[in-house]
Amino acid sequence: MTHFVKAWILAIGLILTPAALSAQEALPAAPVVEPAAASELEVTDEEAAATATASGLDPALYTPMKPTPGIGMPVDGGIDFQEQFSETGKTAHWINNAILIPMMVGTSLLVLGLLFWVVVRYRRGANPEPSKTTHNTFIEIVWTLVPVLILVVIAVPSISLLAEQFEPAPEDALTVKVTGYQWYWGYGYPDNGDFEVISNMLTEEEADARGEPFQLAADNRMVIPVGKPVKLLITAADVIHSFSVPAAWFKLDAVPGRINEKVMQIDREGVYYGQCSELCGARHGFMPITVEVLSEEKFNNWILANGGTVNDAAAEAVADDAETTTEIAAADATAATN
């Protein structure tokens, strides 16, 4: 019987070997990248402006923002969460550092101490006659109530945080539709002309030219206004993906045939990186997420640069700003000629 089972296992292995080899050959080779130093992420304004043309957008309306080293991205040797720039992220970070970690450390030390005490106190040499006690009412009450109290202390802020993360978006929130594809992202703006921005990972050379971290930088970013709630409608076109931005404490699955909704709000301008966090195929590790957070004025300019539309008040503000800029430029030119 044993030989029969082994023969079947060997036969199945031989059948599956060619398929496994062909699948392995189809996988893209993961590039080996040395960690970038902070200085390598710094580029001049002229270099940043030069990259705007590559995106096909008018540099007068939009220039990709330079990332800040260590902000919105992983750091070498990091042992904590990324610095948080959303209210839910700050709350979650506090719960982890002020409640969960102290409780884990305290419980571990208590159990370790009890273990050592039992080993020493009740070893055979010190306790040749073992106790025949079957139970101790006081100890049983303690080891029942203490874990209950610990769970209550953890549960109260955790449930509040969970409810806060899934509060419905206000009526005036910006809507962005996020679609996961194999293997890139699409960002649609139904409130602003219903255009879609397709986002692919930059090559190593392109990332270096733009002063961005390789395998995190994308050619086209998802752009949102700072300090404003953004309703993200997240779905997928093929398989399950997951939209994740660690510095905003945001993660939500993108499921084909389903739209998941969650609010993102980032309270500081900057560039924030994430990655697909659900195994979605051969190039799962090569579909990064780049979110650029701009002032409302710059965000409206980006919308116009992409051929989108803004509301009347925003359009008037953009027009006034452009007129003011033109007047200043004309005044400077006149002063220079005089």
C-alpha atoms as a PDB file:
ATOM      1  CA  MET A   1       0.000   0.000   0.000  1.00  0.00           C
ATOM      2  CA  THR A   2       2.849   2.370   0.862  1.00  0.00           C
ATOM      3  CA  HIS A   3       4.540   1.770  -2.497  1.00  0.00           C
ATOM      4  CA  PHE A   4       1.218   2.391  -4.268  1.00  0.00           C
ATOM      5  CA  VAL A   5       0.791   5.805  -2.560  1.00  0.00           C
ATOM      6  CA  LYS A   6       4.398   6.777  -3.317  1.00  0.00           C
ATOM      7  CA  ALA A   7       3.925   5.850  -6.982  1.00  0.00           C
ATOM      8  CA  TRP A   8       0.868   8.070  -7.264  1.00  0.00           C
ATOM      9  CA  ILE A   9       2.652  11.007  -5.569  1.00  0.00           C
ATOM     10  CA  LEU A  10       5.605  10.607  -7.932  1.00  0.00           C
ATOM     11  CA  ALA A  11       3.321  10.474 -10.976  1.00  0.00           C
ATOM     12  CA  ILE A  12       1.442  13.627  -9.928  1.00  0.00           C
ATOM     13  CA  GLY A  13       4.749  15.412  -9.297  1.00  0.00           C
ATOM     14  CA  LEU A  14       6.017  14.525 -12.774  1.00  0.00           C
ATOM     15  CA  ILE A  15       2.775  15.760 -14.334  1.00  0.00           C
ATOM     16  CA  LEU A  16       2.886  19.100 -12.508  1.00  0.00           C
ATOM     17  CA  THR A  17       6.616  19.774 -13.006  1.00  0.00           C
ATOM     18  CA  PRO A  18       6.362  21.227 -16.565  1.00  0.00           C
ATOM     19  CA  ALA A  19       3.513  23.553 -15.529  1.00  0.00           C
ATOM     20  CA  ALA A  20       5.441  24.765 -12.500  1.00  0.00           C
ATOM     21  CA  LEU A  21       8.556  25.409 -14.592  1.00  0.00           C
ATOM     22  CA  SER A  22       6.626  27.361 -17.233  1.00  0.00           C
ATOM     23  CA  ALA A  23       4.894  29.450 -14.554  1.00  0.00           C
ATOM     24  CA  GLN A  24       8.253  30.180 -12.941  1.00  0.00           C
ATOM     25  CA  GLU A  25       9.701  31.280 -16.285  1.00  0.00           C
ATOM     26  CA  ALA A  26       6.738  33.640 -16.809  1.00  0.00           C
ATOM     27  CA  LEU A  27       7.404  35.484 -13.549  1.00  0.00           C
ATOM     28  CA  PRO A  28       9.227  38.800 -13.976  1.00  0.00           C
ATOM     29  CA  ALA A  29      12.629  39.003 -12.397  1.00  0.00           C
ATOM     30  CA  ALA A  30      12.461  41.179  -9.309  1.00  0.00           C
ATOM     31  CA  PRO A  31      15.055  43.924  -9.645  1.00  0.00           C
ATOM     32  CA  VAL A  32      17.684  44.174  -6.940  1.00  0.00           C
ATOM     33  CA  VAL A  33      17.675  47.696  -5.574  1.00  0.00           C
ATOM     34  CA  GLU A  34      19.986  49.242  -3.023  1.00  0.00           C
ATOM     35  CA  PRO A  35      18.173  51.410  -0.437  1.00  0.00           C
ATOM     36  CA  ALA A  36      18.184  55.024  -1.561  1.00  0.00           C
ATOM     37  CA  ALA A  37      19.844  57.527   0.699  1.00  0.00           C
ATOM     38  CA  ALA A  38      17.836  60.578   1.711  1.00  0.00           C
ATOM     39  CA  SER A  39      20.031  62.830  -0.404  1.00  0.00           C
ATOM     40  CA  GLU A  40      19.189  60.797  -3.507  1.00  0.00           C
ATOM     41  CA  LEU A  41      15.528  61.743  -3.109  1.00  0.00           C
ATOM     42  CA  GLU A  42      16.250  65.449  -3.255  1.00  0.00           C
ATOM     43  CA  VAL A  43      15.913  67.109  -6.639  1.00  0.00           C
ATOM     44  CA  THR A  44      15.903  70.727  -7.669  1.00  0.00           C
ATOM     45  CA  ASP A  45      12.776  72.637  -8.653  1.00  0.00           C
ATOM     46  CA  GLU A  46      14.083  72.801 -12.235  1.00  0.00           C
ATOM     47  CA  GLU A  47      14.383  69.001 -12.389  1.00  0.00           C
ATOM     48  CA  ALA A  48      10.879  68.581 -10.958  1.00  0.00           C
ATOM     49  CA  ALA A  49       9.479  71.032 -13.485  1.00  0.00           C
ATOM     50  CA  ALA A  50      11.199  69.177 -16.304  1.00  0.00           C
ATOM     51  CA  THR A  51       9.408  65.962 -15.347  1.00  0.00           C
ATOM     52  CA  ALA A  52       5.986  67.614 -15.627  1.00  0.00           C
ATOM     53  CA  THR A  53       6.217  67.592 -19.411  1.00  0.00           C
ATOM     54  CA  ALA A  54       6.652  63.804 -19.372  1.00  0.00           C
ATOM     55  CA  SER A  55       3.213  63.439 -17.775  1.00  0.00           C
ATOM     56  CA  GLY A  56       1.620  65.251 -20.706  1.00  0.00           C
ATOM     57  CA  LEU A  57       0.220  67.997 -18.469  1.00  0.00           C
ATOM     58  CA  ASP A  58       0.691  71.732 -18.758  1.00  0.00           C
ATOM     59  CA  PRO A  59       3.627  72.681 -16.459  1.00  0.00           C
ATOM     60  CA  ALA A  60       1.991  76.074 -15.918  1.00  0.00           C
ATOM     61  CA  LEU A  61      -0.917  74.326 -14.191  1.00  0.00           C
ATOM     62  CA  TYR A  62       0.749  71.334 -12.548  1.00  0.00           C
ATOM     63  CA  THR A  63       4.247  70.252 -11.581  1.00  0.00           C
ATOM     64  CA  PRO A  64       4.683  66.971  -9.670  1.00  0.00           C
ATOM     65  CA  MET A  65       5.538  67.654  -6.041  1.00  0.00           C
ATOM     66  CA  LYS A  66       8.874  66.445  -4.710  1.00  0.00           C
ATOM     67  CA  PRO A  67       8.575  63.815  -1.966  1.00  0.00           C
ATOM     68  CA  THR A  68       9.962  64.516   1.471  1.00  0.00           C
ATOM     69  CA  PRO A  69      12.468  61.802   2.510  1.00  0.00           C
ATOM     70  CA  GLY A  70      11.073  59.737   5.378  1.00  0.00           C
ATOM     71  CA  ILE A  71       7.546  61.177   5.091  1.00  0.00           C
ATOM     72  CA  GLY A  72       4.856  59.011   3.524  1.00  0.00           C
ATOM     73  CA  MET A  73       7.334  56.245   2.727  1.00  0.00           C
ATOM     74  CA  PRO A  74       9.245  53.451   4.508  1.00  0.00           C
ATOM     75  CA  VAL A  75      12.492  54.322   6.267  1.00  0.00           C
ATOM     76  CA  ASP A  76      15.598  52.206   6.680  1.00  0.00           C
ATOM     77  CA  GLY A  77      15.655  50.396  10.014  1.00  0.00           C
ATOM     78  CA  GLY A  78      12.102  51.405  10.876  1.00  0.00           C
ATOM     79  CA  ILE A  79      10.539  49.374  13.709  1.00  0.00           C
ATOM     80  CA  ASP A  80       7.361  51.417  14.162  1.00  0.00           C
ATOM     81  CA  PHE A  81       4.459  52.379  11.939  1.00  0.00           C
ATOM     82  CA  GLN A  82       5.049  55.188   9.479  1.00  0.00           C
ATOM     83  CA  GLU A  83       4.350  58.668  10.818  1.00  0.00           C
ATOM     84  CA  GLN A  84       0.612  59.245  10.558  1.00  0.00           C
ATOM     85  CA  PHE A  85      -1.067  62.196   8.817  1.00  0.00           C
ATOM     86  CA  SER A  86      -4.742  61.404   9.347  1.00  0.00           C
ATOM     87  CA  GLU A  87      -6.836  61.578  12.506  1.00  0.00           C
ATOM     88  CA  THR A  88      -7.646  57.866  12.442  1.00  0.00           C
ATOM     89  CA  GLY A  89      -3.972  57.081  11.892  1.00  0.00           C
ATOM     90  CA  LYS A  90      -2.914  59.164  14.881  1.00  0.00           C
ATOM     91  CA  THR A  91      -5.554  57.491  17.056  1.00  0.00           C
ATOM     92  CA  ALA A  92      -4.527  54.006  15.921  1.00  0.00           C
ATOM     93  CA  HIS A  93      -0.851  54.806  16.478  1.00  0.00           C
ATOM     94  CA  TRP A  94      -1.643  55.977  20.022  1.00  0.00           C
ATOM     95  CA  ILE A  95      -3.677  52.827  20.776  1.00  0.00           C
ATOM     96  CA  ASN A  96      -0.779  50.662  19.604  1.00  0.00           C
ATOM     97  CA  ASN A  97       1.951  52.494  21.520  1.00  0.00           C
ATOM     98  CA  ALA A  98       0.050  53.480  24.662  1.00  0.00           C
ATOM     99  CA  ILE A  99      -2.216  50.435  25.193  1.00  0.00           C
ATOM    100  CA  LEU A 100      -1.322  47.358  23.151  1.00  0.00           C
ATOM    101  CA  ILE A 101       2.468  47.332  23.468  1.00  0.00           C
ATOM    102  CA  PRO A 102       2.518  48.022  27.260  1.00  0.00           C
ATOM    103  CA  MET A 103      -0.080  45.299  27.780  1.00  0.00           C
ATOM    104  CA  MET A 104       1.837  42.791  25.668  1.00  0.00           C
ATOM    105  CA  VAL A 105       5.099  43.556  27.454  1.00  0.00           C
ATOM    106  CA  GLY A 106       3.486  43.496  30.907  1.00  0.00           C
ATOM    107  CA  THR A 107       1.627  40.230  30.274  1.00  0.00           C
ATOM    108  CA  SER A 108       4.733  38.557  28.853  1.00  0.00           C
ATOM    109  CA  LEU A 109       6.859  39.628  31.823  1.00  0.00           C
ATOM    110  CA  LEU A 110       4.162  38.507  34.306  1.00  0.00           C
ATOM    111  CA  VAL A 111       3.844  35.057  32.705  1.00  0.00           C
ATOM    112  CA  LEU A 112       7.634  34.712  32.498  1.00  0.00           C
ATOM    113  CA  GLY A 113       7.958  35.659  36.178  1.00  0.00           C
ATOM    114  CA  LEU A 114       5.253  33.188  37.205  1.00  0.00           C
ATOM    115  CA  LEU A 115       6.953  30.489  35.169  1.00  0.00           C
ATOM    116  CA  PHE A 116      10.299  31.066  36.885  1.00  0.00           C
ATOM    117  CA  TRP A 117       8.597  31.170  40.300  1.00  0.00           C
ATOM    118  CA  VAL A 118       6.827  27.861  39.664  1.00  0.00           C
ATOM    119  CA  VAL A 119      10.042  26.235  38.386  1.00  0.00           C
ATOM    120  CA  VAL A 120      11.980  27.331  41.487  1.00  0.00           C
ATOM    121  CA  ARG A 121       9.281  27.048  44.159  1.00  0.00           C
ATOM    122  CA  TYR A 122       7.783  23.737  43.088  1.00  0.00           C
ATOM    123  CA  ARG A 123      10.852  21.880  41.879  1.00  0.00           C
ATOM    124  CA  ARG A 124      11.297  18.378  43.240  1.00  0.00           C
ATOM    125  CA  GLY A 125      14.175  19.333  45.513  1.00  0.00           C
ATOM    126  CA  ALA A 126      12.205  22.063  47.331  1.00  0.00           C
ATOM    127  CA  ASN A 127       8.849  20.314  47.177  1.00  0.00           C
ATOM    128  CA  PRO A 128       9.319  16.548  47.532  1.00  0.00           C
ATOM    129  CA  GLU A 129       5.660  16.035  48.475  1.00  0.00           C
ATOM    130  CA  PRO A 130       3.506  17.513  45.656  1.00  0.00           C
ATOM    131  CA  SER A 131       0.339  19.319  46.676  1.00  0.00           C
ATOM    132  CA  LYS A 132      -2.966  17.536  46.117  1.00  0.00           C
ATOM    133  CA  THR A 133      -4.930  20.812  45.833  1.00  0.00           C
ATOM    134  CA  THR A 134      -7.491  20.505  43.033  1.00  0.00           C
ATOM    135  CA  HIS A 135      -8.531  24.136  42.759  1.00  0.00           C
ATOM    136  CA  ASN A 136      -8.197  27.560  44.347  1.00  0.00           C
ATOM    137  CA  THR A 137     -11.252  29.787  44.188  1.00  0.00           C
ATOM    138  CA  PHE A 138      -9.351  33.074  44.543  1.00  0.00           C
ATOM    139  CA  ILE A 139      -6.853  32.244  41.777  1.00  0.00           C
ATOM    140  CA  GLU A 140      -9.631  31.081  39.444  1.00  0.00           C
ATOM    141  CA  ILE A 141     -11.515  34.351  39.964  1.00  0.00           C
ATOM    142  CA  VAL A 142      -8.363  36.371  39.329  1.00  0.00           C
ATOM    143  CA  TRP A 143      -7.356  34.563  36.135  1.00  0.00           C
ATOM    144  CA  THR A 144     -10.902  34.954  34.834  1.00  0.00           C
ATOM    145  CA  LEU A 145     -11.516  38.615  35.674  1.00  0.00           C
ATOM    146  CA  VAL A 146      -8.084  40.012  34.769  1.00  0.00           C
ATOM    147  CA  PRO A 147      -8.199  38.824  31.112  1.00  0.00           C
ATOM    148  CA  VAL A 148     -11.778  40.139  30.859  1.00  0.00           C
ATOM    149  CA  LEU A 149     -10.661  43.573  32.086  1.00  0.00           C
ATOM    150  CA  ILE A 150      -7.701  43.549  29.681  1.00  0.00           C
ATOM    151  CA  LEU A 151     -10.016  42.759  26.752  1.00  0.00           C
ATOM    152  CA  VAL A 152     -12.417  45.537  27.787  1.00  0.00           C
ATOM    153  CA  VAL A 153      -9.567  48.069  27.947  1.00  0.00           C
ATOM    154  CA  ILE A 154      -8.489  47.015  24.440  1.00  0.00           C
ATOM    155  CA  ALA A 155     -12.009  46.739  23.019  1.00  0.00           C
ATOM    156  CA  VAL A 156     -13.384  50.162  23.922  1.00  0.00           C
ATOM    157  CA  PRO A 157     -10.878  52.315  21.955  1.00  0.00           C
ATOM    158  CA  SER A 158     -10.565  49.680  19.221  1.00  0.00           C
ATOM    159  CA  ILE A 159     -14.303  49.589  18.497  1.00  0.00           C
ATOM    160  CA  SER A 160     -14.421  53.398  18.540  1.00  0.00           C
ATOM    161  CA  LEU A 161     -11.540  53.507  16.038  1.00  0.00           C
ATOM    162  CA  LEU A 162     -13.227  50.919  13.813  1.00  0.00           C
ATOM    163  CA  ALA A 163     -16.465  52.910  13.798  1.00  0.00           C
ATOM    164  CA  GLU A 164     -14.555  56.122  13.064  1.00  0.00           C
ATOM    165  CA  GLN A 165     -12.811  54.558  10.061  1.00  0.00           C
ATOM    166  CA  PHE A 166     -16.092  53.562   8.432  1.00  0.00           C
ATOM    167  CA  GLU A 167     -18.137  56.701   9.050  1.00  0.00           C
ATOM    168  CA  PRO A 168     -20.027  57.710   5.875  1.00  0.00           C
ATOM    169  CA  ALA A 169     -18.528  60.517   3.848  1.00  0.00           C
ATOM    170  CA  PRO A 170     -20.137  63.975   4.100  1.00  0.00           C
ATOM    171  CA  GLU A 171     -22.269  65.072   1.166  1.00  0.00           C
ATOM    172  CA  ASP A 172     -19.704  67.589  -0.079  1.00  0.00           C
ATOM    173  CA  ALA A 173     -16.817  65.085  -0.034  1.00  0.00           C
ATOM    174  CA  LEU A 174     -14.759  64.634  -3.190  1.00  0.00           C
ATOM    175  CA  THR A 175     -15.408  61.257  -4.860  1.00  0.00           C
ATOM    176  CA  VAL A 176     -12.565  59.255  -6.384  1.00  0.00           C
ATOM    177  CA  LYS A 177     -13.112  55.846  -7.969  1.00  0.00           C
ATOM    178  CA  VAL A 178     -10.108  53.547  -7.503  1.00  0.00           C
ATOM    179  CA  THR A 179      -9.877  50.545  -9.835  1.00  0.00           C
ATOM    180  CA  GLY A 180      -7.268  47.828  -9.518  1.00  0.00           C
ATOM    181  CA  TYR A 181      -6.048  46.222 -12.733  1.00  0.00           C
ATOM    182  CA  GLN A 182      -3.437  43.555 -13.433  1.00  0.00           C
ATOM    183  CA  TRP A 183      -1.073  45.243 -12.692  1.00  0.00           C
ATOM    184  CA  TYR A 184      -1.685  48.963 -12.325  1.00  0.00           C
ATOM    185  CA  TRP A 185      -4.199  51.384 -10.846  1.00  0.00           C
ATOM    186  CA  GLY A 186      -6.837  53.666 -12.311  1.00  0.00           C
ATOM    187  CA  TYR A 187      -8.169  56.769 -10.552  1.00  0.00           C
ATOM    188  CA  GLY A 188     -11.476  58.206 -11.766  1.00  0.00           C
ATOM    189  CA  TYR A 189     -12.895  61.607 -10.812  1.00  0.00           C
ATOM    190  CA  PRO A 190     -16.683  61.488 -11.427  1.00  0.00           C
ATOM    191  CA  ASP A 191     -17.230  64.837  -9.685  1.00  0.00           C
ATOM    192  CA  ASN A 192     -14.778  66.598 -11.990  1.00  0.00           C
ATOM    193  CA  GLY A 193     -15.675  65.584 -15.520  1.00  0.00           C
ATOM    194  CA  ASP A 194     -15.423  61.800 -15.003  1.00  0.00           C
ATOM    195  CA  PHE A 195     -11.887  61.438 -16.368  1.00  0.00           C
ATOM    196  CA  GLU A 196      -9.560  58.592 -15.346  1.00  0.00           C
ATOM    197  CA  VAL A 197      -5.851  58.672 -14.603  1.00  0.00           C
ATOM    198  CA  ILE A 198      -3.904  55.463 -15.271  1.00  0.00           C
ATOM    199  CA  SER A 199      -0.995  54.876 -12.893  1.00  0.00           C
ATOM    200  CA  ASN A 200       1.952  52.567 -13.648  1.00  0.00           C
ATOM    201  CA  MET A 201       5.202  52.022 -11.773  1.00  0.00           C
ATOM    202  CA  LEU A 202       8.172  54.111 -12.907  1.00  0.00           C
ATOM    203  CA  THR A 203      11.317  52.412 -14.085  1.00  0.00           C
ATOM    204  CA  GLU A 204      14.401  52.788 -11.931  1.00  0.00           C
ATOM    205  CA  GLU A 205      15.843  55.424 -14.273  1.00  0.00           C
ATOM    206  CA  GLU A 206      12.593  57.427 -14.314  1.00  0.00           C
ATOM    207  CA  ALA A 207      12.255  57.251 -10.522  1.00  0.00           C
ATOM    208  CA  ASP A 208      15.839  58.475 -10.059  1.00  0.00           C
ATOM    209  CA  ALA A 209      15.225  61.353 -12.507  1.00  0.00           C
ATOM    210  CA  ARG A 210      12.182  62.455 -10.504  1.00  0.00           C
ATOM    211  CA  GLY A 211      13.897  61.995  -7.147  1.00  0.00           C
ATOM    212  CA  GLU A 212      11.470  59.318  -5.994  1.00  0.00           C
ATOM    213  CA  PRO A 213      11.953  55.879  -4.420  1.00  0.00           C
ATOM    214  CA  PHE A 214      12.022  53.073  -6.980  1.00  0.00           C
ATOM    215  CA  GLN A 215       9.161  50.525  -6.816  1.00  0.00           C
ATOM    216  CA  LEU A 216       7.028  53.052  -4.936  1.00  0.00           C
ATOM    217  CA  ALA A 217       6.849  55.858  -7.509  1.00  0.00           C
ATOM    218  CA  ALA A 218       4.202  55.936 -10.247  1.00  0.00           C
ATOM    219  CA  ASP A 219       4.044  57.904 -13.480  1.00  0.00           C
ATOM    220  CA  ASN A 220       0.618  59.394 -12.685  1.00  0.00           C
ATOM    221  CA  ARG A 221      -0.473  60.005  -9.112  1.00  0.00           C
ATOM    222  CA  MET A 222      -3.815  60.039  -7.387  1.00  0.00           C
ATOM    223  CA  VAL A 223      -4.198  63.707  -6.413  1.00  0.00           C
ATOM    224  CA  ILE A 224      -6.488  64.889  -3.599  1.00  0.00           C
ATOM    225  CA  PRO A 225      -6.910  68.162  -1.663  1.00  0.00           C
ATOM    226  CA  VAL A 226      -5.327  68.533   1.764  1.00  0.00           C
ATOM    227  CA  GLY A 227      -7.522  68.377   4.862  1.00  0.00           C
ATOM    228  CA  LYS A 228     -10.626  67.420   2.905  1.00  0.00           C
ATOM    229  CA  PRO A 229     -12.574  64.140   3.233  1.00  0.00           C
ATOM    230  CA  VAL A 230     -12.318  62.071   0.066  1.00  0.00           C
ATOM    231  CA  LYS A 231     -14.823  59.290  -0.581  1.00  0.00           C
ATOM    232  CA  LEU A 232     -12.946  56.444  -2.231  1.00  0.00           C
ATOM    233  CA  LEU A 233     -15.023  53.953  -4.211  1.00  0.00           C
ATOM    234  CA  ILE A 234     -12.724  50.967  -4.577  1.00  0.00           C
ATOM    235  CA  THR A 235     -13.197  48.077  -6.996  1.00  0.00           C
ATOM    236  CA  ALA A 236     -11.214  45.813  -9.322  1.00  0.00           C
ATOM    237  CA  ALA A 237     -11.458  44.832 -12.969  1.00  0.00           C
ATOM    238  CA  ASP A 238     -10.014  41.331 -12.814  1.00  0.00           C
ATOM    239  CA  VAL A 239      -8.862  39.834  -9.482  1.00  0.00           C
ATOM    240  CA  ILE A 240      -8.815  40.969  -5.858  1.00  0.00           C
ATOM    241  CA  HIS A 241      -6.377  43.798  -5.127  1.00  0.00           C
ATOM    242  CA  SER A 242      -5.994  45.917  -1.997  1.00  0.00           C
ATOM    243  CA  PHE A 243      -5.534  49.696  -1.885  1.00  0.00           C
ATOM    244  CA  SER A 244      -3.201  50.596   0.963  1.00  0.00           C
ATOM    245  CA  VAL A 245      -1.549  53.857   2.061  1.00  0.00           C
ATOM    246  CA  PRO A 246       0.215  53.216   5.403  1.00  0.00           C
ATOM    247  CA  ALA A 247       0.885  56.864   6.356  1.00  0.00           C
ATOM    248  CA  ALA A 248      -2.865  57.579   6.105  1.00  0.00           C
ATOM    249  CA  TRP A 249      -3.811  54.393   7.999  1.00  0.00           C
ATOM    250  CA  PHE A 250      -5.821  53.309   4.968  1.00  0.00           C
ATOM    251  CA  LYS A 251      -6.338  49.833   3.556  1.00  0.00           C
ATOM    252  CA  LEU A 252      -9.356  48.423   1.736  1.00  0.00           C
ATOM    253  CA  ASP A 253      -9.792  45.486  -0.627  1.00  0.00           C
ATOM    254  CA  ALA A 254     -10.640  46.032  -4.293  1.00  0.00           C
ATOM    255  CA  VAL A 255     -13.015  43.206  -5.269  1.00  0.00           C
ATOM    256  CA  PRO A 256     -14.303  42.583  -8.823  1.00  0.00           C
ATOM    257  CA  GLY A 257     -18.041  43.200  -9.113  1.00  0.00           C
ATOM    258  CA  ARG A 258     -18.192  45.034  -5.783  1.00  0.00           C
ATOM    259  CA  ILE A 259     -17.627  48.640  -4.742  1.00  0.00           C
ATOM    260  CA  ASN A 260     -16.155  49.161  -1.275  1.00  0.00           C
ATOM    261  CA  GLU A 261     -16.382  52.655   0.180  1.00  0.00           C
ATOM    262  CA  LYS A 262     -14.174  54.364   2.730  1.00  0.00           C
ATOM    263  CA  VAL A 263     -13.124  57.931   3.540  1.00  0.00           C
ATOM    264  CA  MET A 264      -9.531  59.111   3.316  1.00  0.00           C
ATOM    265  CA  GLN A 265      -8.388  62.440   4.690  1.00  0.00           C
ATOM    266  CA  ILE A 266      -4.746  63.511   4.843  1.00  0.00           C
ATOM    267  CA  ASP A 267      -3.973  66.677   6.782  1.00  0.00           C
ATOM    268  CA  ARG A 268      -0.568  67.612   5.371  1.00  0.00           C
ATOM    269  CA  GLU A 269       0.519  68.377   1.830  1.00  0.00           C
ATOM    270  CA  GLY A 270       3.005  65.923   0.427  1.00  0.00           C
ATOM    271  CA  VAL A 271       3.535  62.687  -1.463  1.00  0.00           C
ATOM    272  CA  TYR A 272       2.427  59.446   0.186  1.00  0.00           C
ATOM    273  CA  TYR A 273       3.293  55.974  -1.053  1.00  0.00           C
ATOM    274  CA  GLY A 274       1.581  52.618  -0.747  1.00  0.00           C
ATOM    275  CA  GLN A 275       1.365  49.282  -2.526  1.00  0.00           C
ATOM    276  CA  CYS A 276      -1.178  46.684  -3.513  1.00  0.00           C
ATOM    277  CA  SER A 277      -1.531  44.570  -0.374  1.00  0.00           C
ATOM    278  CA  GLU A 278      -3.345  41.539  -1.772  1.00  0.00           C
ATOM    279  CA  LEU A 279      -1.541  38.864  -3.768  1.00  0.00           C
ATOM    280  CA  CYS A 280      -2.947  39.443  -7.268  1.00  0.00           C
ATOM    281  CA  GLY A 281      -0.631  37.698  -9.711  1.00  0.00           C
ATOM    282  CA  ALA A 282       2.862  37.637 -11.153  1.00  0.00           C
ATOM    283  CA  ARG A 283       3.433  41.412 -10.995  1.00  0.00           C
ATOM    284  CA  HIS A 284       1.698  41.996  -7.677  1.00  0.00           C
ATOM    285  CA  GLY A 285       4.852  43.602  -6.277  1.00  0.00           C
ATOM    286  CA  PHE A 286       5.042  46.101  -9.134  1.00  0.00           C
ATOM    287  CA  MET A 287       1.803  48.095  -8.766  1.00  0.00           C
ATOM    288  CA  PRO A 288       2.627  50.868  -6.292  1.00  0.00           C
ATOM    289  CA  ILE A 289       0.284  53.607  -5.110  1.00  0.00           C
ATOM    290  CA  THR A 290       1.313  57.257  -5.104  1.00  0.00           C
ATOM    291  CA  VAL A 291      -1.011  59.829  -3.536  1.00  0.00           C
ATOM    292  CA  GLU A 292      -0.191  63.514  -3.899  1.00  0.00           C
ATOM    293  CA  VAL A 293      -1.923  65.852  -1.453  1.00  0.00           C
ATOM    294  CA  LEU A 294      -2.181  69.472  -2.622  1.00  0.00           C
ATOM    295  CA  SER A 295      -3.828  72.686  -1.553  1.00  0.00           C
ATOM    296  CA  GLU A 296      -7.315  73.138  -2.971  1.00  0.00           C
ATOM    297  CA  GLU A 297      -6.067  75.742  -5.451  1.00  0.00           C
ATOM    298  CA  LYS A 298      -3.314  73.447  -6.780  1.00  0.00           C
ATOM    299  CA  PHE A 299      -5.724  70.531  -6.838  1.00  0.00           C
ATOM    300  CA  ASN A 300      -8.130  72.517  -9.017  1.00  0.00           C
ATOM    301  CA  ASN A 301      -5.250  73.389 -11.337  1.00  0.00           C
ATOM    302  CA  TRP A 302      -4.418  69.687 -11.612  1.00  0.00           C
ATOM    303  CA  ILE A 303      -8.038  68.920 -12.453  1.00  0.00           C
ATOM    304  CA  LEU A 304      -7.993  71.542 -15.224  1.00  0.00           C
ATOM    305  CA  ALA A 305      -4.641  70.261 -16.510  1.00  0.00           C
ATOM    306  CA  ASN A 306      -6.247  66.832 -16.962  1.00  0.00           C
ATOM    307  CA  GLY A 307      -9.159  68.292 -18.881  1.00  0.00           C
ATOM    308  CA  GLY A 308     -11.543  68.007 -15.971  1.00  0.00           C
ATOM    309  CA  THR A 309     -14.023  70.504 -14.561  1.00  0.00           C
ATOM    310  CA  VAL A 310     -14.246  72.327 -11.241  1.00  0.00           C
ATOM    311  CA  ASN A 311     -17.203  74.027  -9.614  1.00  0.00           C
ATOM    312  CA  ASP A 312     -17.940  77.673 -10.357  1.00  0.00           C
ATOM    313  CA  ALA A 313     -16.384  79.068  -7.159  1.00  0.00           C
ATOM    314  CA  ALA A 314     -13.199  77.058  -7.667  1.00  0.00           C
ATOM    315  CA  ALA A 315     -13.024  78.034 -11.333  1.00  0.00           C
ATOM    316  CA  GLU A 316     -13.328  81.711 -10.453  1.00  0.00           C
ATOM    317  CA  ALA A 317     -10.567  81.367  -7.846  1.00  0.00           C
ATOM    318  CA  VAL A 318      -8.273  79.705 -10.381  1.00  0.00           C
ATOM    319  CA  ALA A 319      -9.035  82.398 -12.961  1.00  0.00           C
ATOM    320  CA  ASP A 320      -8.389  85.173 -10.441  1.00  0.00           C
ATOM    321  CA  ASP A 321      -5.109  83.600  -9.413  1.00  0.00           C
ATOM    322  CA  ALA A 322      -4.019  83.245 -13.043  1.00  0.00           C
ATOM    323  CA  GLU A 323      -4.940  86.888 -13.715  1.00  0.00           C
ATOM    324  CA  THR A 324      -3.005  88.041 -10.650  1.00  0.00           C
ATOM    325  CA  THR A 325       0.028  86.011 -11.716  1.00  0.00           C
ATOM    326  CA  THR A 326      -0.130  87.533 -15.204  1.00  0.00           C
ATOM    327  CA  GLU A 327      -0.355  91.055 -13.798  1.00  0.00           C
ATOM    328  CA  ILE A 328       2.632  90.468 -11.518  1.00  0.00           C
ATOM    329  CA  ALA A 329       4.647  89.035 -14.398  1.00  0.00           C
ATOM    330  CA  ALA A 330       3.767  92.040 -16.573  1.00  0.00           C
ATOM    331  CA  ALA A 331       4.717  94.455 -13.811  1.00  0.00           C
ATOM    332  CA  ASP A 332       8.049  92.679 -13.309  1.00  0.00           C
ATOM    333  CA  ALA A 333       8.736  92.811 -17.048  1.00  0.00           C
ATOM    334  CA  THR A 334       7.945  96.528 -17.154  1.00  0.00           C
ATOM    335  CA  ALA A 335      10.186  97.211 -14.180  1.00  0.00           C
ATOM    336  CA  ALA A 336      12.994  95.246 -15.822  1.00  0.00           C
ATOM    337  CA  THR A 337      12.769  97.225 -19.063  1.00  0.00           C
ATOM    338  CA  ASN A 338      12.795 100.516 -17.186  1.00  0.00           C
END
